[in-house]
Amino acid sequence: MKKNSIRRRLLFTSLLLLAFNAAHSQSSSLLWKITKEGNSKPTYIFGTIHAIPTSLLFFPDKLQQTVAASEFIALEIDMDNMAELSTLPSMLMLKDKTIDDLLTQAQKQTVLAYITDSVGMPYQQMVQFKPMFFISLLLPKVVGSSATSYEQNIMAIAQKKGIPIEGLETVAEQVHAFDQLSLDDQIAQLVDLISNMPQARADYQSMLAAYLKQDLEKIEAISVKESEKYTNFNQVLIYERNKRWIPKLEEYAGKGGGFIAVGAAHLPGENGVLNLLKSKGYKVEPVAI
């Protein structure tokens, strides 16, 4: 049970990394109805923020009822598949090097001090992990408070109602997307996060405020600014994944009756899943919640 909890935490924090860095604008709505001509059963798609203080969770009755009435649920990955989650730690390991090989001496002192003093983790026991793992350890420090996620709450409803859960991608596919970011960029992001933690917290609070207002345009402005620091961040973590998801999204929309939850950054824009589905002939409508 303890190992399962650790694996879920790793996955939870890696998902949060995505939520902290992306988006584009379309409409002030987080819930969308997808329908296909000739099929009267809609499928709904909801934009999440992967981590949020429990006291601020925006999960109104209408949204909960939509989840509960679904015939199936699809998340970015199937977080209920423990066999698949068990592979995550090994995929977060560096090959033939340690993080010390990637850090300058000054950077190492910065990372070591923060991981040891603020996170309370034994740095020397973690040097084999990729920089993204260290970033995931820090992100709860950005969110603050007692955090929850929409994925956790959606899964709770699914388990209570016996609704099957599916994944748009595998854990391996998601980790592979992160691996497309250079190790230099990952190190830069890690050091920047530690060195500018107050700014990171302020940026998260701005994004959270925009999310609670369902203001995708504001989320875009914050997220694009952050992602510009790193080469191809949105391209590999948002746009390319969106395109890979479309065949499954078409399958779900085609049969209807589903509820899909992905990070809000994946919904809007020319390369967002909403526009990609529209281009395939699906009707896409915002739903007020």
C-alpha atoms as a PDB file:
ATOM      1  CA  MET A   1       0.000   0.000   0.000  1.00  0.00           C
ATOM      2  CA  LYS A   2       2.851   2.392   0.861  1.00  0.00           C
ATOM      3  CA  LYS A   3       4.514   1.722  -2.516  1.00  0.00           C
ATOM      4  CA  ASN A   4       1.214   2.391  -4.310  1.00  0.00           C
ATOM      5  CA  SER A   5       0.871   5.680  -2.447  1.00  0.00           C
ATOM      6  CA  ILE A   6       4.386   6.736  -3.471  1.00  0.00           C
ATOM      7  CA  ARG A   7       3.730   5.850  -7.111  1.00  0.00           C
ATOM      8  CA  ARG A   8       0.491   7.829  -7.129  1.00  0.00           C
ATOM      9  CA  ARG A   9       2.297  10.782  -5.545  1.00  0.00           C
ATOM     10  CA  LEU A  10       4.989  10.681  -8.218  1.00  0.00           C
ATOM     11  CA  LEU A  11       2.347  10.597 -10.905  1.00  0.00           C
ATOM     12  CA  PHE A  12       0.285  13.296  -9.225  1.00  0.00           C
ATOM     13  CA  THR A  13       3.238  15.663  -9.011  1.00  0.00           C
ATOM     14  CA  SER A  14       4.392  14.964 -12.563  1.00  0.00           C
ATOM     15  CA  LEU A  15       0.903  15.804 -13.764  1.00  0.00           C
ATOM     16  CA  LEU A  16       1.068  19.004 -11.764  1.00  0.00           C
ATOM     17  CA  LEU A  17       4.186  19.954 -13.703  1.00  0.00           C
ATOM     18  CA  LEU A  18       2.101  20.002 -16.855  1.00  0.00           C
ATOM     19  CA  ALA A  19      -0.592  22.099 -15.217  1.00  0.00           C
ATOM     20  CA  PHE A  20       2.013  24.658 -14.141  1.00  0.00           C
ATOM     21  CA  ASN A  21       3.271  25.423 -17.644  1.00  0.00           C
ATOM     22  CA  ALA A  22       0.736  25.645 -20.554  1.00  0.00           C
ATOM     23  CA  ALA A  23      -2.507  26.857 -22.382  1.00  0.00           C
ATOM     24  CA  HIS A  24      -4.285  29.000 -25.061  1.00  0.00           C
ATOM     25  CA  SER A  25      -7.720  30.670 -25.107  1.00  0.00           C
ATOM     26  CA  GLN A  26     -11.141  29.693 -26.401  1.00  0.00           C
ATOM     27  CA  SER A  27     -13.982  30.446 -24.002  1.00  0.00           C
ATOM     28  CA  SER A  28     -14.710  30.971 -20.327  1.00  0.00           C
ATOM     29  CA  SER A  29     -15.836  27.408 -19.752  1.00  0.00           C
ATOM     30  CA  LEU A  30     -14.094  24.329 -18.422  1.00  0.00           C
ATOM     31  CA  LEU A  31     -16.774  21.797 -19.397  1.00  0.00           C
ATOM     32  CA  TRP A  32     -17.583  21.029 -23.041  1.00  0.00           C
ATOM     33  CA  LYS A  33     -20.132  18.794 -24.746  1.00  0.00           C
ATOM     34  CA  ILE A  34     -18.920  16.789 -27.736  1.00  0.00           C
ATOM     35  CA  THR A  35     -21.480  15.256 -30.091  1.00  0.00           C
ATOM     36  CA  LYS A  36     -21.296  13.389 -33.366  1.00  0.00           C
ATOM     37  CA  GLU A  37     -23.981  13.603 -36.046  1.00  0.00           C
ATOM     38  CA  GLY A  38     -26.349  10.678 -35.691  1.00  0.00           C
ATOM     39  CA  ASN A  39     -25.451  10.029 -32.036  1.00  0.00           C
ATOM     40  CA  SER A  40     -27.784  11.506 -29.439  1.00  0.00           C
ATOM     41  CA  LYS A  41     -25.468  10.631 -26.513  1.00  0.00           C
ATOM     42  CA  PRO A  42     -22.890  13.362 -25.876  1.00  0.00           C
ATOM     43  CA  THR A  43     -19.461  12.874 -24.389  1.00  0.00           C
ATOM     44  CA  TYR A  44     -18.208  15.572 -22.042  1.00  0.00           C
ATOM     45  CA  ILE A  45     -14.657  16.871 -21.747  1.00  0.00           C
ATOM     46  CA  PHE A  46     -13.520  18.835 -18.716  1.00  0.00           C
ATOM     47  CA  GLY A  47     -10.369  20.898 -18.233  1.00  0.00           C
ATOM     48  CA  THR A  48      -8.665  20.285 -14.908  1.00  0.00           C
ATOM     49  CA  ILE A  49      -5.931  21.849 -12.885  1.00  0.00           C
ATOM     50  CA  HIS A  50      -3.986  18.886 -11.616  1.00  0.00           C
ATOM     51  CA  ALA A  51      -3.430  20.208  -8.085  1.00  0.00           C
ATOM     52  CA  ILE A  52      -5.496  22.654  -6.066  1.00  0.00           C
ATOM     53  CA  PRO A  53      -5.811  23.508  -2.363  1.00  0.00           C
ATOM     54  CA  THR A  54      -8.618  21.328  -0.994  1.00  0.00           C
ATOM     55  CA  SER A  55     -10.455  24.356   0.378  1.00  0.00           C
ATOM     56  CA  LEU A  56     -10.646  25.895  -3.113  1.00  0.00           C
ATOM     57  CA  LEU A  57     -11.737  22.819  -5.074  1.00  0.00           C
ATOM     58  CA  PHE A  58     -14.285  23.932  -7.709  1.00  0.00           C
ATOM     59  CA  PHE A  59     -16.463  20.860  -8.113  1.00  0.00           C
ATOM     60  CA  PRO A  60     -20.106  22.009  -8.337  1.00  0.00           C
ATOM     61  CA  ASP A  61     -23.061  19.623  -8.168  1.00  0.00           C
ATOM     62  CA  LYS A  62     -23.686  19.813 -11.916  1.00  0.00           C
ATOM     63  CA  LEU A  63     -20.151  18.690 -12.650  1.00  0.00           C
ATOM     64  CA  GLN A  64     -20.317  15.865 -10.110  1.00  0.00           C
ATOM     65  CA  GLN A  65     -23.650  14.730 -11.565  1.00  0.00           C
ATOM     66  CA  THR A  66     -22.182  14.712 -15.070  1.00  0.00           C
ATOM     67  CA  VAL A  67     -19.329  12.512 -13.880  1.00  0.00           C
ATOM     68  CA  ALA A  68     -21.664  10.177 -11.979  1.00  0.00           C
ATOM     69  CA  ALA A  69     -23.980   9.749 -14.973  1.00  0.00           C
ATOM     70  CA  SER A  70     -21.157   8.729 -17.315  1.00  0.00           C
ATOM     71  CA  GLU A  71     -20.844   5.260 -18.800  1.00  0.00           C
ATOM     72  CA  PHE A  72     -17.047   5.490 -18.820  1.00  0.00           C
ATOM     73  CA  ILE A  73     -14.357   7.945 -17.728  1.00  0.00           C
ATOM     74  CA  ALA A  74     -11.076   8.738 -19.482  1.00  0.00           C
ATOM     75  CA  LEU A  75      -8.180  10.560 -17.808  1.00  0.00           C
ATOM     76  CA  GLU A  76      -4.819  11.463 -19.323  1.00  0.00           C
ATOM     77  CA  ILE A  77      -3.637   8.141 -17.923  1.00  0.00           C
ATOM     78  CA  ASP A  78      -5.461   5.415 -16.024  1.00  0.00           C
ATOM     79  CA  MET A  79      -4.436   6.341 -12.478  1.00  0.00           C
ATOM     80  CA  ASP A  80      -6.244   3.277 -11.152  1.00  0.00           C
ATOM     81  CA  ASN A  81      -3.976   0.858 -13.037  1.00  0.00           C
ATOM     82  CA  MET A  82      -1.454  -0.090 -10.373  1.00  0.00           C
ATOM     83  CA  ALA A  83       0.432  -2.496 -12.637  1.00  0.00           C
ATOM     84  CA  GLU A  84       1.175   0.364 -14.993  1.00  0.00           C
ATOM     85  CA  LEU A  85       1.942   2.840 -12.208  1.00  0.00           C
ATOM     86  CA  SER A  86       4.461   0.402 -10.760  1.00  0.00           C
ATOM     87  CA  THR A  87       6.706   1.046 -13.760  1.00  0.00           C
ATOM     88  CA  LEU A  88       6.964   4.786 -13.078  1.00  0.00           C
ATOM     89  CA  PRO A  89       9.941   4.930 -10.650  1.00  0.00           C
ATOM     90  CA  SER A  90      12.265   3.062 -13.006  1.00  0.00           C
ATOM     91  CA  MET A  91      11.303   5.356 -15.896  1.00  0.00           C
ATOM     92  CA  LEU A  92      12.319   8.397 -13.840  1.00  0.00           C
ATOM     93  CA  MET A  93      15.894   7.147 -13.482  1.00  0.00           C
ATOM     94  CA  LEU A  94      18.874   8.548 -15.372  1.00  0.00           C
ATOM     95  CA  LYS A  95      20.994   6.116 -17.362  1.00  0.00           C
ATOM     96  CA  ASP A  96      24.789   5.993 -16.926  1.00  0.00           C
ATOM     97  CA  LYS A  97      24.904   9.240 -14.923  1.00  0.00           C
ATOM     98  CA  THR A  98      23.569  11.000 -11.853  1.00  0.00           C
ATOM     99  CA  ILE A  99      22.050  14.428 -11.413  1.00  0.00           C
ATOM    100  CA  ASP A 100      25.397  15.542  -9.963  1.00  0.00           C
ATOM    101  CA  ASP A 101      26.859  15.089 -13.445  1.00  0.00           C
ATOM    102  CA  LEU A 102      24.342  17.610 -14.791  1.00  0.00           C
ATOM    103  CA  LEU A 103      24.734  20.292 -12.130  1.00  0.00           C
ATOM    104  CA  THR A 104      27.487  22.832 -11.680  1.00  0.00           C
ATOM    105  CA  GLN A 105      28.942  22.924  -8.190  1.00  0.00           C
ATOM    106  CA  ALA A 106      26.954  26.068  -7.392  1.00  0.00           C
ATOM    107  CA  GLN A 107      23.747  24.520  -8.720  1.00  0.00           C
ATOM    108  CA  LYS A 108      24.347  21.363  -6.719  1.00  0.00           C
ATOM    109  CA  GLN A 109      24.654  23.346  -3.490  1.00  0.00           C
ATOM    110  CA  THR A 110      21.413  25.165  -4.275  1.00  0.00           C
ATOM    111  CA  VAL A 111      19.504  21.968  -5.043  1.00  0.00           C
ATOM    112  CA  LEU A 112      21.015  19.956  -2.191  1.00  0.00           C
ATOM    113  CA  ALA A 113      20.237  22.626   0.401  1.00  0.00           C
ATOM    114  CA  TYR A 114      16.617  23.056  -0.694  1.00  0.00           C
ATOM    115  CA  ILE A 115      15.867  19.332  -1.059  1.00  0.00           C
ATOM    116  CA  THR A 116      17.425  18.594   2.335  1.00  0.00           C
ATOM    117  CA  ASP A 117      16.186  21.585   4.354  1.00  0.00           C
ATOM    118  CA  SER A 118      12.825  22.460   2.788  1.00  0.00           C
ATOM    119  CA  VAL A 119      11.645  19.156   1.317  1.00  0.00           C
ATOM    120  CA  GLY A 120      13.258  16.987   3.984  1.00  0.00           C
ATOM    121  CA  MET A 121      14.411  14.278   1.578  1.00  0.00           C
ATOM    122  CA  PRO A 122      17.817  12.504   1.521  1.00  0.00           C
ATOM    123  CA  TYR A 123      19.464  14.031  -1.542  1.00  0.00           C
ATOM    124  CA  GLN A 124      22.243  11.447  -1.849  1.00  0.00           C
ATOM    125  CA  GLN A 125      19.688   8.641  -2.115  1.00  0.00           C
ATOM    126  CA  MET A 126      17.993  10.354  -5.070  1.00  0.00           C
ATOM    127  CA  VAL A 127      20.885  11.366  -7.322  1.00  0.00           C
ATOM    128  CA  GLN A 128      20.009   8.671  -9.870  1.00  0.00           C
ATOM    129  CA  PHE A 129      16.687  10.376 -10.653  1.00  0.00           C
ATOM    130  CA  LYS A 130      16.020  12.707 -13.575  1.00  0.00           C
ATOM    131  CA  PRO A 131      15.641  16.449 -12.940  1.00  0.00           C
ATOM    132  CA  MET A 132      11.874  16.167 -13.560  1.00  0.00           C
ATOM    133  CA  PHE A 133      11.634  13.990 -10.434  1.00  0.00           C
ATOM    134  CA  PHE A 134      13.228  16.726  -8.325  1.00  0.00           C
ATOM    135  CA  ILE A 135      10.880  19.284  -9.885  1.00  0.00           C
ATOM    136  CA  SER A 136       7.922  17.107  -8.929  1.00  0.00           C
ATOM    137  CA  LEU A 137       9.111  17.101  -5.302  1.00  0.00           C
ATOM    138  CA  LEU A 138       9.124  20.903  -5.266  1.00  0.00           C
ATOM    139  CA  LEU A 139       5.746  21.556  -6.840  1.00  0.00           C
ATOM    140  CA  PRO A 140       3.727  20.841  -3.682  1.00  0.00           C
ATOM    141  CA  LYS A 141       5.795  23.653  -2.150  1.00  0.00           C
ATOM    142  CA  VAL A 142       4.436  25.904  -4.900  1.00  0.00           C
ATOM    143  CA  VAL A 143       0.803  24.914  -4.358  1.00  0.00           C
ATOM    144  CA  GLY A 144       0.969  25.086  -0.574  1.00  0.00           C
ATOM    145  CA  SER A 145      -1.834  24.072   1.803  1.00  0.00           C
ATOM    146  CA  SER A 146      -3.430  20.654   1.711  1.00  0.00           C
ATOM    147  CA  ALA A 147      -3.767  19.837  -1.972  1.00  0.00           C
ATOM    148  CA  THR A 148      -6.145  17.614  -3.867  1.00  0.00           C
ATOM    149  CA  SER A 149      -6.697  16.957  -7.553  1.00  0.00           C
ATOM    150  CA  TYR A 150      -9.670  16.667  -9.866  1.00  0.00           C
ATOM    151  CA  GLU A 151      -8.383  13.283 -10.959  1.00  0.00           C
ATOM    152  CA  GLN A 152      -8.569  12.015  -7.375  1.00  0.00           C
ATOM    153  CA  ASN A 153     -12.122  13.301  -6.946  1.00  0.00           C
ATOM    154  CA  ILE A 154     -13.296  11.986 -10.317  1.00  0.00           C
ATOM    155  CA  MET A 155     -11.766   8.585  -9.564  1.00  0.00           C
ATOM    156  CA  ALA A 156     -13.596   8.495  -6.213  1.00  0.00           C
ATOM    157  CA  ILE A 157     -16.943   8.938  -7.983  1.00  0.00           C
ATOM    158  CA  ALA A 158     -16.006   6.351 -10.608  1.00  0.00           C
ATOM    159  CA  GLN A 159     -15.061   3.790  -7.976  1.00  0.00           C
ATOM    160  CA  LYS A 160     -18.242   4.433  -5.961  1.00  0.00           C
ATOM    161  CA  LYS A 161     -20.454   4.086  -9.045  1.00  0.00           C
ATOM    162  CA  GLY A 162     -18.479   1.266 -10.664  1.00  0.00           C
ATOM    163  CA  ILE A 163     -17.695   3.377 -13.745  1.00  0.00           C
ATOM    164  CA  PRO A 164     -14.757   2.023 -15.786  1.00  0.00           C
ATOM    165  CA  ILE A 165     -11.679   4.269 -16.079  1.00  0.00           C
ATOM    166  CA  GLU A 166      -9.464   4.462 -19.150  1.00  0.00           C
ATOM    167  CA  GLY A 167      -6.345   6.401 -20.124  1.00  0.00           C
ATOM    168  CA  LEU A 168      -5.664   8.516 -23.185  1.00  0.00           C
ATOM    169  CA  GLU A 169      -2.018   7.485 -22.959  1.00  0.00           C
ATOM    170  CA  THR A 170       0.188   5.130 -20.969  1.00  0.00           C
ATOM    171  CA  VAL A 171       2.536   6.131 -18.171  1.00  0.00           C
ATOM    172  CA  ALA A 172       5.439   5.331 -20.498  1.00  0.00           C
ATOM    173  CA  GLU A 173       4.049   7.646 -23.182  1.00  0.00           C
ATOM    174  CA  GLN A 174       3.654  10.483 -20.698  1.00  0.00           C
ATOM    175  CA  VAL A 175       7.176  10.066 -19.315  1.00  0.00           C
ATOM    176  CA  HIS A 176       8.495   9.892 -22.888  1.00  0.00           C
ATOM    177  CA  ALA A 177       6.908  13.303 -23.543  1.00  0.00           C
ATOM    178  CA  PHE A 178       8.834  14.765 -20.606  1.00  0.00           C
ATOM    179  CA  ASP A 179      11.981  13.095 -21.891  1.00  0.00           C
ATOM    180  CA  GLN A 180      11.720  15.173 -25.074  1.00  0.00           C
ATOM    181  CA  LEU A 181      12.721  18.177 -22.963  1.00  0.00           C
ATOM    182  CA  SER A 182      16.492  18.431 -22.846  1.00  0.00           C
ATOM    183  CA  LEU A 183      18.239  17.669 -19.567  1.00  0.00           C
ATOM    184  CA  ASP A 184      19.722  21.173 -19.727  1.00  0.00           C
ATOM    185  CA  ASP A 185      16.234  22.678 -19.828  1.00  0.00           C
ATOM    186  CA  GLN A 186      15.095  20.403 -16.997  1.00  0.00           C
ATOM    187  CA  ILE A 187      18.065  21.506 -14.874  1.00  0.00           C
ATOM    188  CA  ALA A 188      17.385  25.166 -15.722  1.00  0.00           C
ATOM    189  CA  GLN A 189      13.750  24.770 -14.672  1.00  0.00           C
ATOM    190  CA  LEU A 190      14.726  23.031 -11.419  1.00  0.00           C
ATOM    191  CA  VAL A 191      17.274  25.671 -10.421  1.00  0.00           C
ATOM    192  CA  ASP A 192      14.959  28.513 -11.462  1.00  0.00           C
ATOM    193  CA  LEU A 193      12.125  27.057  -9.395  1.00  0.00           C
ATOM    194  CA  ILE A 194      14.277  26.829  -6.270  1.00  0.00           C
ATOM    195  CA  SER A 195      15.897  30.231  -6.766  1.00  0.00           C
ATOM    196  CA  ASN A 196      12.607  32.002  -7.453  1.00  0.00           C
ATOM    197  CA  MET A 197      10.126  30.135  -5.264  1.00  0.00           C
ATOM    198  CA  PRO A 198       8.196  33.285  -4.208  1.00  0.00           C
ATOM    199  CA  GLN A 199       7.639  34.174  -7.870  1.00  0.00           C
ATOM    200  CA  ALA A 200       6.624  30.597  -8.667  1.00  0.00           C
ATOM    201  CA  ARG A 201       4.041  30.717  -5.892  1.00  0.00           C
ATOM    202  CA  ALA A 202       2.738  34.063  -7.129  1.00  0.00           C
ATOM    203  CA  ASP A 203       2.454  32.711 -10.691  1.00  0.00           C
ATOM    204  CA  TYR A 204       0.575  29.663  -9.434  1.00  0.00           C
ATOM    205  CA  GLN A 205      -1.829  31.841  -7.447  1.00  0.00           C
ATOM    206  CA  SER A 206      -2.498  33.922 -10.559  1.00  0.00           C
ATOM    207  CA  MET A 207      -3.140  30.784 -12.575  1.00  0.00           C
ATOM    208  CA  LEU A 208      -5.379  29.353  -9.870  1.00  0.00           C
ATOM    209  CA  ALA A 209      -7.434  32.557  -9.754  1.00  0.00           C
ATOM    210  CA  ALA A 210      -7.858  32.413 -13.525  1.00  0.00           C
ATOM    211  CA  TYR A 211      -8.849  28.760 -13.329  1.00  0.00           C
ATOM    212  CA  LEU A 212     -11.502  29.374 -10.690  1.00  0.00           C
ATOM    213  CA  LYS A 213     -12.941  32.078 -12.960  1.00  0.00           C
ATOM    214  CA  GLN A 214     -12.798  29.604 -15.869  1.00  0.00           C
ATOM    215  CA  ASP A 215     -10.728  32.233 -17.659  1.00  0.00           C
ATOM    216  CA  LEU A 216      -8.728  30.235 -20.194  1.00  0.00           C
ATOM    217  CA  GLU A 217      -7.460  33.423 -21.808  1.00  0.00           C
ATOM    218  CA  LYS A 218      -5.742  34.482 -18.606  1.00  0.00           C
ATOM    219  CA  ILE A 219      -4.360  30.982 -18.046  1.00  0.00           C
ATOM    220  CA  GLU A 220      -2.847  31.180 -21.514  1.00  0.00           C
ATOM    221  CA  ALA A 221      -1.133  34.498 -20.805  1.00  0.00           C
ATOM    222  CA  ILE A 222       0.500  33.171 -17.625  1.00  0.00           C
ATOM    223  CA  SER A 223       1.399  29.762 -18.980  1.00  0.00           C
ATOM    224  CA  VAL A 224       2.795  30.769 -22.348  1.00  0.00           C
ATOM    225  CA  LYS A 225       5.051  33.280 -20.621  1.00  0.00           C
ATOM    226  CA  GLU A 226       6.467  30.502 -18.430  1.00  0.00           C
ATOM    227  CA  SER A 227       6.836  27.967 -21.237  1.00  0.00           C
ATOM    228  CA  GLU A 228       8.813  30.384 -23.428  1.00  0.00           C
ATOM    229  CA  LYS A 229      11.827  29.878 -21.150  1.00  0.00           C
ATOM    230  CA  TYR A 230      12.244  26.279 -22.312  1.00  0.00           C
ATOM    231  CA  THR A 231      12.713  24.904 -25.822  1.00  0.00           C
ATOM    232  CA  ASN A 232       9.586  23.313 -27.346  1.00  0.00           C
ATOM    233  CA  PHE A 233       7.840  22.964 -23.981  1.00  0.00           C
ATOM    234  CA  ASN A 234       4.288  23.449 -25.273  1.00  0.00           C
ATOM    235  CA  GLN A 235       5.078  21.638 -28.508  1.00  0.00           C
ATOM    236  CA  VAL A 236       6.078  18.345 -26.888  1.00  0.00           C
ATOM    237  CA  LEU A 237       3.958  18.412 -23.734  1.00  0.00           C
ATOM    238  CA  ILE A 238       0.746  19.906 -25.112  1.00  0.00           C
ATOM    239  CA  TYR A 239       0.351  20.069 -28.884  1.00  0.00           C
ATOM    240  CA  GLU A 240       1.953  16.772 -29.903  1.00  0.00           C
ATOM    241  CA  ARG A 241       0.118  14.887 -27.173  1.00  0.00           C
ATOM    242  CA  ASN A 242      -3.162  16.503 -28.239  1.00  0.00           C
ATOM    243  CA  LYS A 243      -2.705  15.143 -31.738  1.00  0.00           C
ATOM    244  CA  ARG A 244      -1.848  11.674 -30.454  1.00  0.00           C
ATOM    245  CA  TRP A 245      -5.018  11.678 -28.342  1.00  0.00           C
ATOM    246  CA  ILE A 246      -7.400  12.496 -31.193  1.00  0.00           C
ATOM    247  CA  PRO A 247      -8.014   8.903 -32.389  1.00  0.00           C
ATOM    248  CA  LYS A 248      -9.072   7.875 -28.875  1.00  0.00           C
ATOM    249  CA  LEU A 249     -11.099  11.045 -28.391  1.00  0.00           C
ATOM    250  CA  GLU A 250     -12.902  10.316 -31.650  1.00  0.00           C
ATOM    251  CA  GLU A 251     -13.604   6.801 -30.436  1.00  0.00           C
ATOM    252  CA  TYR A 252     -15.029   8.122 -27.162  1.00  0.00           C
ATOM    253  CA  ALA A 253     -17.064  10.852 -28.837  1.00  0.00           C
ATOM    254  CA  GLY A 254     -18.319   8.377 -31.406  1.00  0.00           C
ATOM    255  CA  LYS A 255     -19.860   6.007 -28.885  1.00  0.00           C
ATOM    256  CA  GLY A 256     -20.989   8.775 -26.531  1.00  0.00           C
ATOM    257  CA  GLY A 257     -21.816   8.627 -22.845  1.00  0.00           C
ATOM    258  CA  GLY A 258     -18.307   9.376 -21.641  1.00  0.00           C
ATOM    259  CA  PHE A 259     -16.598  11.895 -19.384  1.00  0.00           C
ATOM    260  CA  ILE A 260     -13.045  12.918 -20.265  1.00  0.00           C
ATOM    261  CA  ALA A 261     -10.804  14.959 -17.976  1.00  0.00           C
ATOM    262  CA  VAL A 262      -7.510  16.471 -19.137  1.00  0.00           C
ATOM    263  CA  GLY A 263      -5.451  19.469 -18.091  1.00  0.00           C
ATOM    264  CA  ALA A 264      -7.213  22.684 -19.107  1.00  0.00           C
ATOM    265  CA  ALA A 265      -4.199  23.653 -21.235  1.00  0.00           C
ATOM    266  CA  HIS A 266      -5.057  20.878 -23.667  1.00  0.00           C
ATOM    267  CA  LEU A 267      -8.490  22.275 -24.555  1.00  0.00           C
ATOM    268  CA  PRO A 268      -8.097  25.621 -26.338  1.00  0.00           C
ATOM    269  CA  GLY A 269      -6.249  27.051 -29.290  1.00  0.00           C
ATOM    270  CA  GLU A 270      -5.604  26.044 -32.868  1.00  0.00           C
ATOM    271  CA  ASN A 271      -3.820  22.892 -31.720  1.00  0.00           C
ATOM    272  CA  GLY A 272      -6.139  22.267 -28.773  1.00  0.00           C
ATOM    273  CA  VAL A 273      -8.302  19.167 -28.632  1.00  0.00           C
ATOM    274  CA  LEU A 274     -11.527  21.169 -29.001  1.00  0.00           C
ATOM    275  CA  ASN A 275     -10.453  22.674 -32.310  1.00  0.00           C
ATOM    276  CA  LEU A 276      -8.965  19.384 -33.493  1.00  0.00           C
ATOM    277  CA  LEU A 277     -12.288  17.647 -32.830  1.00  0.00           C
ATOM    278  CA  LYS A 278     -14.169  20.429 -34.608  1.00  0.00           C
ATOM    279  CA  SER A 279     -11.956  19.935 -37.640  1.00  0.00           C
ATOM    280  CA  LYS A 280     -13.018  16.275 -37.640  1.00  0.00           C
ATOM    281  CA  GLY A 281     -16.687  17.265 -37.848  1.00  0.00           C
ATOM    282  CA  TYR A 282     -17.699  17.012 -34.202  1.00  0.00           C
ATOM    283  CA  LYS A 283     -19.981  19.569 -32.584  1.00  0.00           C
ATOM    284  CA  VAL A 284     -18.231  21.202 -29.635  1.00  0.00           C
ATOM    285  CA  GLU A 285     -20.279  23.326 -27.205  1.00  0.00           C
ATOM    286  CA  PRO A 286     -19.400  24.963 -23.866  1.00  0.00           C
ATOM    287  CA  VAL A 287     -21.484  23.936 -20.850  1.00  0.00           C
ATOM    288  CA  ALA A 288     -22.104  26.375 -18.006  1.00  0.00           C
ATOM    289  CA  ILE A 289     -21.216  25.030 -14.552  1.00  0.00           C
END
